[in-house]
Amino acid sequence: MTARDRANTFLDGVAFMGIFSRTRDIIAANFNDMLDKADDPAKMIRMIILEMEETLVEVRASAARTIADQKEMHRHCVKLDRLQADWAEKAQLALSKDREDLARAALVEKKKAGDMADQLKTEIAVLDDALRAYEDDIQKLQHRLREARSRQTAIAARLESAENRVKLRTLMSTERTDEALARFDQLERRVDYAEGRADALQIAESKTPSLADEIAALAGSDAIDDELEAMKKALGKADDSAKDLGGE
């Protein structure tokens, strides 16, 4: 099969139209509407992303095949141009030898090569349009894919948050939670008892003075006795003064 035949098959085939139709559907899809109607939004967004990734791979593969076909067509155009020049030379040679019949036949072949070259150039132009469409679709698909992945991240975060809230509420409403809280109460009572014992020991230790405390107490007692004697002496002097005043 020649490059021209392959190009015609590619352009007219169902696969070509199918991939363009599916690409257009994906690009035009309303994510919000699809997710709102889905029973499982997380599953739906995964399916959307998978479909977009597969379509993107197919579009790129089709674009690569189109580029390859286009290059082959260009090579055939070059060959056909050379063929036209060759038939033109042969026609001139035949005409120079007075073989108008051969010159006419050579010009017929030259025209056939020219017609084929023109047809290939037309198909190359069609492939140029297809490549531009591919490029545009690839950019749009990539944008939609980034958007879908962003939505997937947001949905996953919301789903995880909802599941955690459900787990928390379930945990708070079970008997196991009540048992755990009761155990916490028991632990708190044990801690209170241990702290009470520590405080009691500290009180008991404070009632038994140490040797340093007893010596300090003695020193304090001596100071008090000295101050008391001083007060007595001062009081005695006051009494003597009063007696002297009464005798007079």
C-alpha atoms as a PDB file:
ATOM      1  CA  MET A   1       0.000   0.000   0.000  1.00  0.00           C
ATOM      2  CA  THR A   2       1.372   3.388  -0.983  1.00  0.00           C
ATOM      3  CA  ALA A   3       1.547   6.398   1.307  1.00  0.00           C
ATOM      4  CA  ARG A   4      -1.381   7.920  -0.599  1.00  0.00           C
ATOM      5  CA  ASP A   5      -3.512   4.820  -0.050  1.00  0.00           C
ATOM      6  CA  ARG A   6      -2.653   4.726   3.642  1.00  0.00           C
ATOM      7  CA  ALA A   7      -3.495   8.403   3.977  1.00  0.00           C
ATOM      8  CA  ASN A   8      -6.872   7.891   2.318  1.00  0.00           C
ATOM      9  CA  THR A   9      -7.622   4.935   4.573  1.00  0.00           C
ATOM     10  CA  PHE A  10      -6.542   6.931   7.614  1.00  0.00           C
ATOM     11  CA  LEU A  11      -8.583   9.981   6.712  1.00  0.00           C
ATOM     12  CA  ASP A  12     -11.707   8.026   5.741  1.00  0.00           C
ATOM     13  CA  GLY A  13     -11.527   5.319   8.414  1.00  0.00           C
ATOM     14  CA  VAL A  14     -13.915   4.917  11.290  1.00  0.00           C
ATOM     15  CA  ALA A  15     -11.082   4.996  13.808  1.00  0.00           C
ATOM     16  CA  PHE A  16     -10.081   8.480  12.681  1.00  0.00           C
ATOM     17  CA  MET A  17     -13.596   9.847  13.057  1.00  0.00           C
ATOM     18  CA  GLY A  18     -14.142   7.898  16.273  1.00  0.00           C
ATOM     19  CA  ILE A  19     -11.156   9.344  18.070  1.00  0.00           C
ATOM     20  CA  PHE A  20     -12.051  12.891  17.003  1.00  0.00           C
ATOM     21  CA  SER A  21     -15.640  12.401  18.153  1.00  0.00           C
ATOM     22  CA  ARG A  22     -14.578  10.966  21.499  1.00  0.00           C
ATOM     23  CA  THR A  23     -12.019  13.739  21.974  1.00  0.00           C
ATOM     24  CA  ARG A  24     -14.645  16.396  21.310  1.00  0.00           C
ATOM     25  CA  ASP A  25     -17.035  14.716  23.777  1.00  0.00           C
ATOM     26  CA  ILE A  26     -14.403  14.662  26.508  1.00  0.00           C
ATOM     27  CA  ILE A  27     -13.388  18.280  25.921  1.00  0.00           C
ATOM     28  CA  ALA A  28     -17.026  19.409  26.018  1.00  0.00           C
ATOM     29  CA  ALA A  29     -17.958  17.254  29.031  1.00  0.00           C
ATOM     30  CA  ASN A  30     -19.420  18.946  32.094  1.00  0.00           C
ATOM     31  CA  PHE A  31     -17.511  17.518  35.048  1.00  0.00           C
ATOM     32  CA  ASN A  32     -19.717  19.137  37.648  1.00  0.00           C
ATOM     33  CA  ASP A  33     -22.904  17.693  36.177  1.00  0.00           C
ATOM     34  CA  MET A  34     -21.381  14.229  35.823  1.00  0.00           C
ATOM     35  CA  LEU A  35     -20.065  14.190  39.389  1.00  0.00           C
ATOM     36  CA  ASP A  36     -23.298  15.536  40.854  1.00  0.00           C
ATOM     37  CA  LYS A  37     -25.288  12.732  39.224  1.00  0.00           C
ATOM     38  CA  ALA A  38     -22.773   9.994  40.094  1.00  0.00           C
ATOM     39  CA  ASP A  39     -23.486   7.607  42.962  1.00  0.00           C
ATOM     40  CA  ASP A  40     -19.749   7.342  43.594  1.00  0.00           C
ATOM     41  CA  PRO A  41     -17.994  10.614  42.603  1.00  0.00           C
ATOM     42  CA  ALA A  42     -14.543   9.220  43.431  1.00  0.00           C
ATOM     43  CA  LYS A  43     -15.065   6.259  41.096  1.00  0.00           C
ATOM     44  CA  MET A  44     -16.546   8.497  38.415  1.00  0.00           C
ATOM     45  CA  ILE A  45     -13.585  10.911  38.426  1.00  0.00           C
ATOM     46  CA  ARG A  46     -11.174   7.951  38.203  1.00  0.00           C
ATOM     47  CA  MET A  47     -13.053   6.675  35.150  1.00  0.00           C
ATOM     48  CA  ILE A  48     -12.998  10.137  33.574  1.00  0.00           C
ATOM     49  CA  ILE A  49      -9.242  10.477  34.111  1.00  0.00           C
ATOM     50  CA  LEU A  50      -8.609   6.983  32.711  1.00  0.00           C
ATOM     51  CA  GLU A  51     -10.680   7.755  29.620  1.00  0.00           C
ATOM     52  CA  MET A  52      -8.862  11.044  29.093  1.00  0.00           C
ATOM     53  CA  GLU A  53      -5.429   9.443  29.511  1.00  0.00           C
ATOM     54  CA  GLU A  54      -6.266   6.695  27.017  1.00  0.00           C
ATOM     55  CA  THR A  55      -7.684   9.205  24.538  1.00  0.00           C
ATOM     56  CA  LEU A  56      -4.616  11.424  24.903  1.00  0.00           C
ATOM     57  CA  VAL A  57      -2.359   8.454  24.123  1.00  0.00           C
ATOM     58  CA  GLU A  58      -4.437   7.597  21.046  1.00  0.00           C
ATOM     59  CA  VAL A  59      -4.467  11.184  19.801  1.00  0.00           C
ATOM     60  CA  ARG A  60      -0.691  11.432  20.141  1.00  0.00           C
ATOM     61  CA  ALA A  61      -0.248   8.083  18.370  1.00  0.00           C
ATOM     62  CA  SER A  62      -2.534   9.214  15.532  1.00  0.00           C
ATOM     63  CA  ALA A  63      -0.632  12.477  15.248  1.00  0.00           C
ATOM     64  CA  ALA A  64       2.647  10.542  15.049  1.00  0.00           C
ATOM     65  CA  ARG A  65       1.257   8.319  12.277  1.00  0.00           C
ATOM     66  CA  THR A  66      -0.003  11.369  10.412  1.00  0.00           C
ATOM     67  CA  ILE A  67       3.418  13.000  10.597  1.00  0.00           C
ATOM     68  CA  ALA A  68       5.044   9.783   9.310  1.00  0.00           C
ATOM     69  CA  ASP A  69       2.565   9.550   6.414  1.00  0.00           C
ATOM     70  CA  GLN A  70       3.129  13.191   5.595  1.00  0.00           C
ATOM     71  CA  LYS A  71       6.898  12.718   5.433  1.00  0.00           C
ATOM     72  CA  GLU A  72       6.489   9.724   3.156  1.00  0.00           C
ATOM     73  CA  MET A  73       4.187  11.730   0.904  1.00  0.00           C
ATOM     74  CA  HIS A  74       6.775  14.485   0.679  1.00  0.00           C
ATOM     75  CA  ARG A  75       9.356  11.914  -0.418  1.00  0.00           C
ATOM     76  CA  HIS A  76       6.978  10.618  -3.101  1.00  0.00           C
ATOM     77  CA  CYS A  77       6.350  14.162  -4.281  1.00  0.00           C
ATOM     78  CA  VAL A  78      10.085  14.658  -4.736  1.00  0.00           C
ATOM     79  CA  LYS A  79      10.305  11.404  -6.706  1.00  0.00           C
ATOM     80  CA  LEU A  80       7.332  12.390  -8.853  1.00  0.00           C
ATOM     81  CA  ASP A  81       8.887  15.778  -9.581  1.00  0.00           C
ATOM     82  CA  ARG A  82      12.064  14.019 -10.707  1.00  0.00           C
ATOM     83  CA  LEU A  83       9.968  11.616 -12.759  1.00  0.00           C
ATOM     84  CA  GLN A  84       8.234  14.510 -14.507  1.00  0.00           C
ATOM     85  CA  ALA A  85      11.595  16.057 -15.360  1.00  0.00           C
ATOM     86  CA  ASP A  86      12.825  12.710 -16.660  1.00  0.00           C
ATOM     87  CA  TRP A  87       9.780  12.218 -18.918  1.00  0.00           C
ATOM     88  CA  ALA A  88      10.138  15.777 -20.173  1.00  0.00           C
ATOM     89  CA  GLU A  89      13.730  15.081 -21.197  1.00  0.00           C
ATOM     90  CA  LYS A  90      12.666  11.854 -22.900  1.00  0.00           C
ATOM     91  CA  ALA A  91       9.916  13.695 -24.769  1.00  0.00           C
ATOM     92  CA  GLN A  92      12.415  16.273 -25.988  1.00  0.00           C
ATOM     93  CA  LEU A  93      14.824  13.550 -27.076  1.00  0.00           C
ATOM     94  CA  ALA A  94      12.111  11.680 -28.957  1.00  0.00           C
ATOM     95  CA  LEU A  95      10.918  14.861 -30.625  1.00  0.00           C
ATOM     96  CA  SER A  96      14.476  15.719 -31.648  1.00  0.00           C
ATOM     97  CA  LYS A  97      14.622  12.350 -33.403  1.00  0.00           C
ATOM     98  CA  ASP A  98      11.342  13.011 -35.190  1.00  0.00           C
ATOM     99  CA  ARG A  99       9.520  10.489 -33.026  1.00  0.00           C
ATOM    100  CA  GLU A 100       6.506  12.560 -32.201  1.00  0.00           C
ATOM    101  CA  ASP A 101       4.613   9.427 -31.128  1.00  0.00           C
ATOM    102  CA  LEU A 102       7.205   8.638 -28.478  1.00  0.00           C
ATOM    103  CA  ALA A 103       7.332  12.261 -27.396  1.00  0.00           C
ATOM    104  CA  ARG A 104       3.550  12.265 -26.975  1.00  0.00           C
ATOM    105  CA  ALA A 105       3.677   9.050 -24.934  1.00  0.00           C
ATOM    106  CA  ALA A 106       6.415  10.505 -22.733  1.00  0.00           C
ATOM    107  CA  LEU A 107       4.342  13.641 -22.129  1.00  0.00           C
ATOM    108  CA  VAL A 108       1.370  11.449 -21.168  1.00  0.00           C
ATOM    109  CA  GLU A 109       3.516   9.743 -18.537  1.00  0.00           C
ATOM    110  CA  LYS A 110       4.776  13.114 -17.396  1.00  0.00           C
ATOM    111  CA  LYS A 111       1.187  14.273 -16.917  1.00  0.00           C
ATOM    112  CA  LYS A 112       0.325  11.154 -14.933  1.00  0.00           C
ATOM    113  CA  ALA A 113       3.247  11.831 -12.591  1.00  0.00           C
ATOM    114  CA  GLY A 114       2.199  15.466 -12.300  1.00  0.00           C
ATOM    115  CA  ASP A 115      -1.415  14.558 -11.503  1.00  0.00           C
ATOM    116  CA  MET A 116      -0.271  12.131  -8.846  1.00  0.00           C
ATOM    117  CA  ALA A 117       2.049  14.744  -7.347  1.00  0.00           C
ATOM    118  CA  ASP A 118      -0.773  17.310  -7.246  1.00  0.00           C
ATOM    119  CA  GLN A 119      -3.047  14.803  -5.524  1.00  0.00           C
ATOM    120  CA  LEU A 120      -0.391  14.008  -2.945  1.00  0.00           C
ATOM    121  CA  LYS A 121       0.182  17.705  -2.280  1.00  0.00           C
ATOM    122  CA  THR A 122      -3.564  18.151  -1.747  1.00  0.00           C
ATOM    123  CA  GLU A 123      -3.579  15.271   0.739  1.00  0.00           C
ATOM    124  CA  ILE A 124      -0.514  16.719   2.466  1.00  0.00           C
ATOM    125  CA  ALA A 125      -2.464  19.941   2.962  1.00  0.00           C
ATOM    126  CA  VAL A 126      -5.345  17.927   4.457  1.00  0.00           C
ATOM    127  CA  LEU A 127      -2.921  16.249   6.820  1.00  0.00           C
ATOM    128  CA  ASP A 128      -1.585  19.681   7.789  1.00  0.00           C
ATOM    129  CA  ASP A 129      -5.111  20.628   8.887  1.00  0.00           C
ATOM    130  CA  ALA A 130      -5.437  17.349  10.753  1.00  0.00           C
ATOM    131  CA  LEU A 131      -2.143  17.941  12.572  1.00  0.00           C
ATOM    132  CA  ARG A 132      -3.229  21.400  13.636  1.00  0.00           C
ATOM    133  CA  ALA A 133      -6.462  19.894  14.935  1.00  0.00           C
ATOM    134  CA  TYR A 134      -4.474  17.228  16.785  1.00  0.00           C
ATOM    135  CA  GLU A 135      -2.242  19.856  18.367  1.00  0.00           C
ATOM    136  CA  ASP A 136      -5.241  21.873  19.512  1.00  0.00           C
ATOM    137  CA  ASP A 137      -6.996  18.782  20.887  1.00  0.00           C
ATOM    138  CA  ILE A 138      -3.875  17.623  22.729  1.00  0.00           C
ATOM    139  CA  GLN A 139      -3.547  20.987  24.464  1.00  0.00           C
ATOM    140  CA  LYS A 140      -7.217  20.987  25.436  1.00  0.00           C
ATOM    141  CA  LEU A 141      -7.055  17.383  26.647  1.00  0.00           C
ATOM    142  CA  GLN A 142      -4.004  18.136  28.759  1.00  0.00           C
ATOM    143  CA  HIS A 143      -5.795  21.116  30.302  1.00  0.00           C
ATOM    144  CA  ARG A 144      -8.901  19.023  31.026  1.00  0.00           C
ATOM    145  CA  LEU A 145      -6.747  16.252  32.448  1.00  0.00           C
ATOM    146  CA  ARG A 146      -5.051  18.669  34.861  1.00  0.00           C
ATOM    147  CA  GLU A 147      -8.488  19.947  35.832  1.00  0.00           C
ATOM    148  CA  ALA A 148      -9.776  16.412  36.411  1.00  0.00           C
ATOM    149  CA  ARG A 149      -6.766  15.461  38.512  1.00  0.00           C
ATOM    150  CA  SER A 150      -7.253  18.590  40.604  1.00  0.00           C
ATOM    151  CA  ARG A 151     -10.890  17.626  41.132  1.00  0.00           C
ATOM    152  CA  GLN A 152      -9.789  14.102  42.037  1.00  0.00           C
ATOM    153  CA  THR A 153      -7.487  15.484  44.747  1.00  0.00           C
ATOM    154  CA  ALA A 154     -10.275  17.664  46.123  1.00  0.00           C
ATOM    155  CA  ILE A 155     -12.777  14.796  46.090  1.00  0.00           C
ATOM    156  CA  ALA A 156     -10.290  12.479  47.798  1.00  0.00           C
ATOM    157  CA  ALA A 157      -9.679  15.070  50.523  1.00  0.00           C
ATOM    158  CA  ARG A 158     -13.417  15.589  51.075  1.00  0.00           C
ATOM    159  CA  LEU A 159     -14.020  11.848  51.113  1.00  0.00           C
ATOM    160  CA  GLU A 160     -11.259  11.277  53.652  1.00  0.00           C
ATOM    161  CA  SER A 161     -12.597  14.080  55.839  1.00  0.00           C
ATOM    162  CA  ALA A 162     -16.125  12.644  55.693  1.00  0.00           C
ATOM    163  CA  GLU A 163     -14.900   9.138  56.518  1.00  0.00           C
ATOM    164  CA  ASN A 164     -12.911  10.453  59.474  1.00  0.00           C
ATOM    165  CA  ARG A 165     -15.967  12.282  60.790  1.00  0.00           C
ATOM    166  CA  VAL A 166     -18.029   9.117  60.465  1.00  0.00           C
ATOM    167  CA  LYS A 167     -15.391   7.092  62.297  1.00  0.00           C
ATOM    168  CA  LEU A 168     -15.208   9.708  65.062  1.00  0.00           C
ATOM    169  CA  ARG A 169     -18.957   9.827  65.514  1.00  0.00           C
ATOM    170  CA  THR A 170     -19.164   6.051  65.477  1.00  0.00           C
ATOM    171  CA  LEU A 171     -16.411   5.849  68.037  1.00  0.00           C
ATOM    172  CA  MET A 172     -18.030   8.429  70.302  1.00  0.00           C
ATOM    173  CA  SER A 173     -21.367   6.623  70.197  1.00  0.00           C
ATOM    174  CA  THR A 174     -20.161   3.106  71.067  1.00  0.00           C
ATOM    175  CA  GLU A 175     -19.929   1.298  74.377  1.00  0.00           C
ATOM    176  CA  ARG A 176     -16.191   0.978  73.899  1.00  0.00           C
ATOM    177  CA  THR A 177     -15.929   4.746  74.249  1.00  0.00           C
ATOM    178  CA  ASP A 178     -17.871   4.626  77.517  1.00  0.00           C
ATOM    179  CA  GLU A 179     -15.587   1.862  78.760  1.00  0.00           C
ATOM    180  CA  ALA A 180     -12.529   3.868  77.777  1.00  0.00           C
ATOM    181  CA  LEU A 181     -13.823   6.938  79.581  1.00  0.00           C
ATOM    182  CA  ALA A 182     -14.553   4.818  82.668  1.00  0.00           C
ATOM    183  CA  ARG A 183     -10.997   3.544  82.570  1.00  0.00           C
ATOM    184  CA  PHE A 184      -9.757   7.102  82.357  1.00  0.00           C
ATOM    185  CA  ASP A 185     -11.779   7.897  85.471  1.00  0.00           C
ATOM    186  CA  GLN A 186     -10.211   4.949  87.268  1.00  0.00           C
ATOM    187  CA  LEU A 187      -6.757   6.087  86.236  1.00  0.00           C
ATOM    188  CA  GLU A 188      -7.484   9.591  87.472  1.00  0.00           C
ATOM    189  CA  ARG A 189      -8.620   8.206  90.826  1.00  0.00           C
ATOM    190  CA  ARG A 190      -5.436   6.158  91.086  1.00  0.00           C
ATOM    191  CA  VAL A 191      -3.392   9.263  90.310  1.00  0.00           C
ATOM    192  CA  ASP A 192      -5.329  11.240  92.929  1.00  0.00           C
ATOM    193  CA  TYR A 193      -4.657   8.515  95.499  1.00  0.00           C
ATOM    194  CA  ALA A 194      -0.948   8.420  94.658  1.00  0.00           C
ATOM    195  CA  GLU A 195      -0.690  12.183  94.905  1.00  0.00           C
ATOM    196  CA  GLY A 196      -2.567  12.068  98.241  1.00  0.00           C
ATOM    197  CA  ARG A 197      -0.112   9.560  99.634  1.00  0.00           C
ATOM    198  CA  ALA A 198       2.791  11.734  98.544  1.00  0.00           C
ATOM    199  CA  ASP A 199       1.248  14.771 100.216  1.00  0.00           C
ATOM    200  CA  ALA A 200       0.611  12.781 103.423  1.00  0.00           C
ATOM    201  CA  LEU A 201       4.207  11.600 103.547  1.00  0.00           C
ATOM    202  CA  GLN A 202       5.390  15.148 103.096  1.00  0.00           C
ATOM    203  CA  ILE A 203       3.184  16.285 105.991  1.00  0.00           C
ATOM    204  CA  ALA A 204       4.473  13.463 108.175  1.00  0.00           C
ATOM    205  CA  GLU A 205       8.039  14.328 107.359  1.00  0.00           C
ATOM    206  CA  SER A 206       7.423  17.990 108.239  1.00  0.00           C
ATOM    207  CA  LYS A 207       6.202  17.012 111.770  1.00  0.00           C
ATOM    208  CA  THR A 208       9.498  15.315 112.591  1.00  0.00           C
ATOM    209  CA  PRO A 209      12.121  18.080 112.850  1.00  0.00           C
ATOM    210  CA  SER A 210      15.582  17.386 111.662  1.00  0.00           C
ATOM    211  CA  LEU A 211      18.758  17.930 113.699  1.00  0.00           C
ATOM    212  CA  ALA A 212      19.396  21.217 111.953  1.00  0.00           C
ATOM    213  CA  ASP A 213      15.849  22.324 112.725  1.00  0.00           C
ATOM    214  CA  GLU A 214      16.250  21.459 116.442  1.00  0.00           C
ATOM    215  CA  ILE A 215      19.569  23.356 116.734  1.00  0.00           C
ATOM    216  CA  ALA A 216      18.043  26.345 114.980  1.00  0.00           C
ATOM    217  CA  ALA A 217      15.132  26.183 117.407  1.00  0.00           C
ATOM    218  CA  LEU A 218      17.516  26.238 120.365  1.00  0.00           C
ATOM    219  CA  ALA A 219      19.270  29.273 118.994  1.00  0.00           C
ATOM    220  CA  GLY A 220      15.951  30.943 118.546  1.00  0.00           C
ATOM    221  CA  SER A 221      14.933  30.057 122.090  1.00  0.00           C
ATOM    222  CA  ASP A 222      18.096  31.615 123.493  1.00  0.00           C
ATOM    223  CA  ALA A 223      17.423  34.803 121.592  1.00  0.00           C
ATOM    224  CA  ILE A 224      13.914  34.939 122.985  1.00  0.00           C
ATOM    225  CA  ASP A 225      15.187  34.341 126.564  1.00  0.00           C
ATOM    226  CA  ASP A 226      17.713  37.122 126.210  1.00  0.00           C
ATOM    227  CA  GLU A 227      15.082  39.504 124.926  1.00  0.00           C
ATOM    228  CA  LEU A 228      12.768  38.515 127.779  1.00  0.00           C
ATOM    229  CA  GLU A 229      15.464  39.191 130.425  1.00  0.00           C
ATOM    230  CA  ALA A 230      16.145  42.542 128.843  1.00  0.00           C
ATOM    231  CA  MET A 231      12.505  43.407 129.045  1.00  0.00           C
ATOM    232  CA  LYS A 232      12.396  42.332 132.711  1.00  0.00           C
ATOM    233  CA  LYS A 233      15.395  44.472 133.553  1.00  0.00           C
ATOM    234  CA  ALA A 234      13.894  47.424 131.811  1.00  0.00           C
ATOM    235  CA  LEU A 235      10.650  46.839 133.677  1.00  0.00           C
ATOM    236  CA  GLY A 236      12.539  46.585 136.989  1.00  0.00           C
ATOM    237  CA  LYS A 237      14.190  49.932 136.400  1.00  0.00           C
ATOM    238  CA  ALA A 238      10.819  51.438 135.718  1.00  0.00           C
ATOM    239  CA  ASP A 239       9.458  50.063 139.004  1.00  0.00           C
ATOM    240  CA  ASP A 240      12.427  51.475 140.985  1.00  0.00           C
ATOM    241  CA  SER A 241      11.843  54.893 139.489  1.00  0.00           C
ATOM    242  CA  ALA A 242       8.206  54.699 140.527  1.00  0.00           C
ATOM    243  CA  LYS A 243       9.117  53.757 144.119  1.00  0.00           C
ATOM    244  CA  ASP A 244      11.528  56.667 144.421  1.00  0.00           C
ATOM    245  CA  LEU A 245       8.860  59.084 143.274  1.00  0.00           C
ATOM    246  CA  GLY A 246       6.347  57.665 145.834  1.00  0.00           C
ATOM    247  CA  GLY A 247       8.786  58.013 148.799  1.00  0.00           C
ATOM    248  CA  GLU A 248       9.305  61.599 148.191  1.00  0.00           C
END
